[in-house]
């Protein structure tokens, strides 16, 4: 059978990944508990071929505390490196975290 990622068939020249293996979610900071929140942040995850991760905030949340909470969680994420055929290569992906409470 063919292998599909996001609906795309893969061959040996196409790339897979990076693949997240550990993705803890950020917690709402206690200073914002009880508030109605609808905020988000965007970050780029740079994953080296050795699977080390660097997080770059592209768009911070309106609340600095949420950006800090998101960054703290993303810095704990673990990945398998991006693959080109059978070779690990440097890769990246963009993550958007939506913080919403009622």
Protein backbone atom coordinates (compact mmCIF):
# COMPACT_ATOMS: atom_id res chain seq x y z
CA UNK A 1 0.00 0.00 0.00
CA UNK A 2 1.01 3.60 -0.56
CA UNK A 3 1.98 5.76 2.40
CA UNK A 4 0.06 9.04 2.70
CA UNK A 5 0.82 12.12 4.77
CA UNK A 6 -1.76 14.91 4.61
CA UNK A 7 -3.26 13.13 1.60
CA UNK A 8 -0.04 13.11 -0.44
CA UNK A 9 1.52 9.83 -1.64
CA UNK A 10 5.20 9.56 -0.77
CA UNK A 11 8.04 8.17 -2.80
CA UNK A 12 11.70 7.84 -1.86
CA UNK A 13 12.51 11.37 -3.06
CA UNK A 14 9.77 13.07 -1.06
CA UNK A 15 10.14 14.28 2.50
CA UNK A 16 8.36 13.23 5.69
CA UNK A 17 8.27 15.15 8.90
CA UNK A 18 9.38 16.41 11.31
CA UNK A 19 7.12 14.08 13.30
CA UNK A 20 6.14 15.14 16.85
CA UNK A 21 6.61 12.38 19.44
CA UNK A 22 5.91 14.34 22.68
CA UNK A 23 3.60 17.37 22.69
CA UNK A 24 2.60 18.68 26.13
CA UNK A 25 -0.12 21.33 26.03
CA UNK A 26 0.36 24.75 27.60
CA UNK A 27 -1.51 25.55 30.80
CA UNK A 28 -3.53 28.72 31.29
CA UNK A 29 -1.48 30.81 33.77
CA UNK A 30 -3.06 31.28 37.20
CA UNK A 31 -2.99 35.08 36.67
CA UNK A 32 -5.53 34.62 33.83
CA UNK A 33 -7.73 31.91 35.41
CA UNK A 34 -11.39 32.84 35.47
CA UNK A 35 -11.07 35.26 32.55
CA UNK A 36 -12.79 34.71 29.22
CA UNK A 37 -9.95 34.14 26.76
CA UNK A 38 -9.90 33.80 22.99
CA UNK A 39 -6.28 34.35 22.01
CA UNK A 40 -3.66 32.58 19.93
CA UNK A 41 0.03 32.52 19.09
CA UNK A 42 2.03 31.16 16.17
CA UNK A 43 5.52 29.66 16.38
CA UNK A 44 7.94 27.96 14.03
CA UNK A 45 9.61 24.77 15.21
CA UNK A 46 13.08 24.28 13.71
CA UNK A 47 14.05 20.61 14.03
CA UNK A 48 17.63 19.64 13.21
CA UNK A 49 18.56 16.34 11.61
CA UNK A 50 19.77 15.34 15.12
CA UNK A 51 16.22 16.12 16.40
CA UNK A 52 17.20 19.16 18.49
CA UNK A 53 14.43 21.77 18.53
CA UNK A 54 14.53 25.58 18.37
CA UNK A 55 11.28 27.51 18.85
CA UNK A 56 10.80 30.89 17.16
CA UNK A 57 7.70 32.95 18.04
CA UNK A 58 6.23 34.33 14.79
CA UNK A 59 3.14 35.99 16.26
CA UNK A 60 2.80 36.37 20.05
CA UNK A 61 -0.52 36.15 21.89
CA UNK A 62 -2.12 39.42 23.04
CA UNK A 63 -1.43 38.34 26.64
CA UNK A 64 2.29 38.00 27.32
CA UNK A 65 1.52 35.32 29.94
CA UNK A 66 -0.06 33.13 27.23
CA UNK A 67 2.92 33.56 24.92
CA UNK A 68 5.23 32.56 27.79
CA UNK A 69 3.04 29.53 28.62
CA UNK A 70 2.97 28.47 24.97
CA UNK A 71 6.72 28.88 24.63
CA UNK A 72 7.34 26.87 27.82
CA UNK A 73 5.21 24.00 26.45
CA UNK A 74 6.70 24.11 22.93
CA UNK A 75 10.23 24.02 24.33
CA UNK A 76 9.38 20.58 25.79
CA UNK A 77 8.18 19.13 22.47
CA UNK A 78 10.20 16.24 21.02
CA UNK A 79 10.39 15.20 17.36
CA UNK A 80 11.70 12.55 15.04
CA UNK A 81 13.67 14.49 12.41
CA UNK A 82 12.40 15.22 8.93
CA UNK A 83 13.36 12.48 6.47
CA UNK A 84 14.32 12.75 2.82
CA UNK A 85 14.08 9.17 1.68
CA UNK A 86 16.07 7.30 4.36
CA UNK A 87 18.22 10.29 5.41
CA UNK A 88 17.41 12.62 8.33
CA UNK A 89 17.52 16.30 7.30
CA UNK A 90 16.87 19.64 8.98
CA UNK A 91 13.18 20.57 8.89
CA UNK A 92 10.61 22.94 10.28
CA UNK A 93 6.92 23.28 10.90
CA UNK A 94 4.61 26.06 12.02
CA UNK A 95 2.35 25.59 15.04
CA UNK A 96 -0.63 27.72 16.06
CA UNK A 97 -1.85 27.49 19.66
CA UNK A 98 -5.37 28.70 20.37
CA UNK A 99 -6.13 29.60 24.00
CA UNK A 100 -9.87 29.69 24.64
CA UNK A 101 -11.85 29.56 27.87
CA UNK A 102 -15.54 30.04 28.57
